[in-house]
Amino acid sequence: MKVVYIAGPFRAANSWLVEQNIRRAEELALRVAEAGAMPLCPHCNTRFFNGTLTDEFWLAGTMALLERCDAIVLTDRWPASSGCRSERARAVELGIPIFYDTDAVGWLPFVEWCNRP
């Protein structure tokens, strides 16, 4: 089974907006699973860890997770996040396939990729 990294903004001005970012990533993670791949959603791994360690630690850790994945899918708001832009750039460097959260027709290439041997 392919493992797909979910990338989207996490940090925000307040806890309500952080939670909205997490929910958006969770919804995308479920769509990835429904397409046939296993989502890796760092938002869910660290949702309650805010303020426990440095941003640098969490950013380095999530980058290490990305490097072990078969593909990355970016939420619709990824360009607003410097972390997501860095994750996308790293995926490009490593040749990891990049997909974008999009409508049903635009999602078809991802579904097809998931189901390739």
C-alpha atoms as a PDB file:
ATOM      1  CA  MET A   1       0.000   0.000   0.000  1.00  0.00           C
ATOM      2  CA  LYS A   2       1.244   3.482  -0.824  1.00  0.00           C
ATOM      3  CA  VAL A   3       1.748   5.992   1.984  1.00  0.00           C
ATOM      4  CA  VAL A   4       0.782   9.573   1.222  1.00  0.00           C
ATOM      5  CA  TYR A   5       1.883  12.628   3.182  1.00  0.00           C
ATOM      6  CA  ILE A   6      -0.813  15.240   3.807  1.00  0.00           C
ATOM      7  CA  ALA A   7       0.545  18.805   3.670  1.00  0.00           C
ATOM      8  CA  GLY A   8      -1.382  21.889   4.648  1.00  0.00           C
ATOM      9  CA  PRO A   9      -1.059  24.855   6.963  1.00  0.00           C
ATOM     10  CA  PHE A  10      -0.977  24.020  10.670  1.00  0.00           C
ATOM     11  CA  ARG A  11       0.052  27.162  12.516  1.00  0.00           C
ATOM     12  CA  ALA A  12      -2.385  30.067  12.724  1.00  0.00           C
ATOM     13  CA  ALA A  13      -3.194  33.205  14.696  1.00  0.00           C
ATOM     14  CA  ASN A  14      -5.302  31.371  17.284  1.00  0.00           C
ATOM     15  CA  SER A  15      -6.379  27.896  18.380  1.00  0.00           C
ATOM     16  CA  TRP A  16      -9.669  28.068  16.447  1.00  0.00           C
ATOM     17  CA  LEU A  17      -7.833  28.637  13.168  1.00  0.00           C
ATOM     18  CA  VAL A  18      -5.298  25.925  13.988  1.00  0.00           C
ATOM     19  CA  GLU A  19      -8.194  23.516  14.517  1.00  0.00           C
ATOM     20  CA  GLN A  20      -9.706  24.513  11.165  1.00  0.00           C
ATOM     21  CA  ASN A  21      -6.372  23.750   9.490  1.00  0.00           C
ATOM     22  CA  ILE A  22      -6.276  20.358  11.206  1.00  0.00           C
ATOM     23  CA  ARG A  23      -9.827  19.528  10.161  1.00  0.00           C
ATOM     24  CA  ARG A  24      -9.072  20.463   6.551  1.00  0.00           C
ATOM     25  CA  ALA A  25      -6.070  18.097   6.608  1.00  0.00           C
ATOM     26  CA  GLU A  26      -8.148  15.331   8.221  1.00  0.00           C
ATOM     27  CA  GLU A  27     -10.795  15.610   5.508  1.00  0.00           C
ATOM     28  CA  LEU A  28      -8.107  15.305   2.856  1.00  0.00           C
ATOM     29  CA  ALA A  29      -6.561  12.339   4.686  1.00  0.00           C
ATOM     30  CA  LEU A  30      -9.888  10.516   4.554  1.00  0.00           C
ATOM     31  CA  ARG A  31     -10.170  11.216   0.812  1.00  0.00           C
ATOM     32  CA  VAL A  32      -6.676   9.750   0.352  1.00  0.00           C
ATOM     33  CA  ALA A  33      -7.716   6.608   2.247  1.00  0.00           C
ATOM     34  CA  GLU A  34     -10.900   6.324   0.205  1.00  0.00           C
ATOM     35  CA  ALA A  35      -8.740   6.473  -2.931  1.00  0.00           C
ATOM     36  CA  GLY A  36      -6.775   3.446  -1.713  1.00  0.00           C
ATOM     37  CA  ALA A  37      -3.628   4.834  -0.060  1.00  0.00           C
ATOM     38  CA  MET A  38      -2.649   5.190   3.594  1.00  0.00           C
ATOM     39  CA  PRO A  39      -2.577   8.846   4.650  1.00  0.00           C
ATOM     40  CA  LEU A  40       0.128  10.178   6.929  1.00  0.00           C
ATOM     41  CA  CYS A  41      -1.346  13.327   8.469  1.00  0.00           C
ATOM     42  CA  PRO A  42       1.164  15.114  10.731  1.00  0.00           C
ATOM     43  CA  HIS A  43      -1.597  17.502  11.800  1.00  0.00           C
ATOM     44  CA  CYS A  44      -3.233  14.630  13.664  1.00  0.00           C
ATOM     45  CA  ASN A  45       0.026  13.402  15.183  1.00  0.00           C
ATOM     46  CA  THR A  46       0.807  16.726  16.832  1.00  0.00           C
ATOM     47  CA  ARG A  47      -2.496  18.557  17.226  1.00  0.00           C
ATOM     48  CA  PHE A  48      -2.154  18.966  21.011  1.00  0.00           C
ATOM     49  CA  PHE A  49       1.624  19.439  21.177  1.00  0.00           C
ATOM     50  CA  ASN A  50       1.552  23.186  20.457  1.00  0.00           C
ATOM     51  CA  GLY A  51       4.165  24.949  22.577  1.00  0.00           C
ATOM     52  CA  THR A  52       5.831  21.776  23.871  1.00  0.00           C
ATOM     53  CA  LEU A  53       8.947  21.897  21.679  1.00  0.00           C
ATOM     54  CA  THR A  54      10.306  24.325  19.119  1.00  0.00           C
ATOM     55  CA  ASP A  55       8.814  24.877  15.686  1.00  0.00           C
ATOM     56  CA  GLU A  56      12.186  23.819  14.285  1.00  0.00           C
ATOM     57  CA  PHE A  57      11.860  20.406  15.929  1.00  0.00           C
ATOM     58  CA  TRP A  58       8.368  19.802  14.541  1.00  0.00           C
ATOM     59  CA  LEU A  59       9.271  21.083  11.073  1.00  0.00           C
ATOM     60  CA  ALA A  60      12.355  18.854  10.895  1.00  0.00           C
ATOM     61  CA  GLY A  61      10.350  15.880  12.124  1.00  0.00           C
ATOM     62  CA  THR A  62       7.565  16.319   9.617  1.00  0.00           C
ATOM     63  CA  MET A  63      10.140  16.704   6.836  1.00  0.00           C
ATOM     64  CA  ALA A  64      11.648  13.365   7.897  1.00  0.00           C
ATOM     65  CA  LEU A  65       8.193  11.803   7.653  1.00  0.00           C
ATOM     66  CA  LEU A  66       7.660  13.254   4.179  1.00  0.00           C
ATOM     67  CA  GLU A  67      10.959  11.784   2.987  1.00  0.00           C
ATOM     68  CA  ARG A  68       9.664   8.288   3.781  1.00  0.00           C
ATOM     69  CA  CYS A  69       6.406   8.665   1.843  1.00  0.00           C
ATOM     70  CA  ASP A  70       5.436   7.608  -1.665  1.00  0.00           C
ATOM     71  CA  ALA A  71       3.648  10.870  -2.529  1.00  0.00           C
ATOM     72  CA  ILE A  72       2.463  14.168  -1.102  1.00  0.00           C
ATOM     73  CA  VAL A  73      -1.006  15.711  -1.358  1.00  0.00           C
ATOM     74  CA  LEU A  74      -1.367  19.405  -0.619  1.00  0.00           C
ATOM     75  CA  THR A  75      -4.492  21.032   0.789  1.00  0.00           C
ATOM     76  CA  ASP A  76      -6.029  23.906  -1.128  1.00  0.00           C
ATOM     77  CA  ARG A  77      -4.414  26.439   1.226  1.00  0.00           C
ATOM     78  CA  TRP A  78      -0.844  25.127   0.990  1.00  0.00           C
ATOM     79  CA  PRO A  79       0.655  28.241  -0.683  1.00  0.00           C
ATOM     80  CA  ALA A  80      -0.095  30.288   2.462  1.00  0.00           C
ATOM     81  CA  SER A  81       2.240  28.123   4.558  1.00  0.00           C
ATOM     82  CA  SER A  82       6.024  28.434   4.482  1.00  0.00           C
ATOM     83  CA  GLY A  83       6.205  24.892   5.894  1.00  0.00           C
ATOM     84  CA  CYS A  84       4.102  23.526   3.027  1.00  0.00           C
ATOM     85  CA  ARG A  85       6.137  25.389   0.463  1.00  0.00           C
ATOM     86  CA  SER A  86       9.271  23.794   1.943  1.00  0.00           C
ATOM     87  CA  GLU A  87       7.635  20.348   1.947  1.00  0.00           C
ATOM     88  CA  ARG A  88       6.614  20.739  -1.681  1.00  0.00           C
ATOM     89  CA  ALA A  89      10.129  21.878  -2.618  1.00  0.00           C
ATOM     90  CA  ARG A  90      11.620  18.855  -0.836  1.00  0.00           C
ATOM     91  CA  ALA A  91       9.218  16.534  -2.658  1.00  0.00           C
ATOM     92  CA  VAL A  92      10.376  18.061  -5.948  1.00  0.00           C
ATOM     93  CA  GLU A  93      14.036  17.508  -4.953  1.00  0.00           C
ATOM     94  CA  LEU A  94      13.362  13.873  -4.089  1.00  0.00           C
ATOM     95  CA  GLY A  95      11.135  13.166  -7.092  1.00  0.00           C
ATOM     96  CA  ILE A  96       8.163  12.335  -4.859  1.00  0.00           C
ATOM     97  CA  PRO A  97       4.892  12.621  -6.810  1.00  0.00           C
ATOM     98  CA  ILE A  98       2.912  15.743  -5.902  1.00  0.00           C
ATOM     99  CA  PHE A  99      -0.864  15.936  -5.980  1.00  0.00           C
ATOM    100  CA  TYR A 100      -3.253  18.731  -5.075  1.00  0.00           C
ATOM    101  CA  ASP A 101      -6.621  18.697  -3.334  1.00  0.00           C
ATOM    102  CA  THR A 102      -9.017  19.479  -6.115  1.00  0.00           C
ATOM    103  CA  ASP A 103     -12.449  18.698  -7.534  1.00  0.00           C
ATOM    104  CA  ALA A 104     -13.517  15.191  -8.533  1.00  0.00           C
ATOM    105  CA  VAL A 105     -12.189  15.407 -12.100  1.00  0.00           C
ATOM    106  CA  GLY A 106      -8.815  16.777 -10.996  1.00  0.00           C
ATOM    107  CA  TRP A 107      -8.621  14.096  -8.281  1.00  0.00           C
ATOM    108  CA  LEU A 108      -8.800  11.277 -10.851  1.00  0.00           C
ATOM    109  CA  PRO A 109      -5.018  11.196 -11.583  1.00  0.00           C
ATOM    110  CA  PHE A 110      -4.386  10.671  -7.864  1.00  0.00           C
ATOM    111  CA  VAL A 111      -6.927   7.848  -7.651  1.00  0.00           C
ATOM    112  CA  GLU A 112      -5.371   6.203 -10.701  1.00  0.00           C
ATOM    113  CA  TRP A 113      -1.868   6.566  -9.197  1.00  0.00           C
ATOM    114  CA  CYS A 114      -3.052   4.979  -5.935  1.00  0.00           C
ATOM    115  CA  ASN A 115      -4.296   1.934  -7.749  1.00  0.00           C
ATOM    116  CA  ARG A 116      -1.193   1.304  -9.856  1.00  0.00           C
ATOM    117  CA  PRO A 117       0.967  -1.608  -8.706  1.00  0.00           C
END
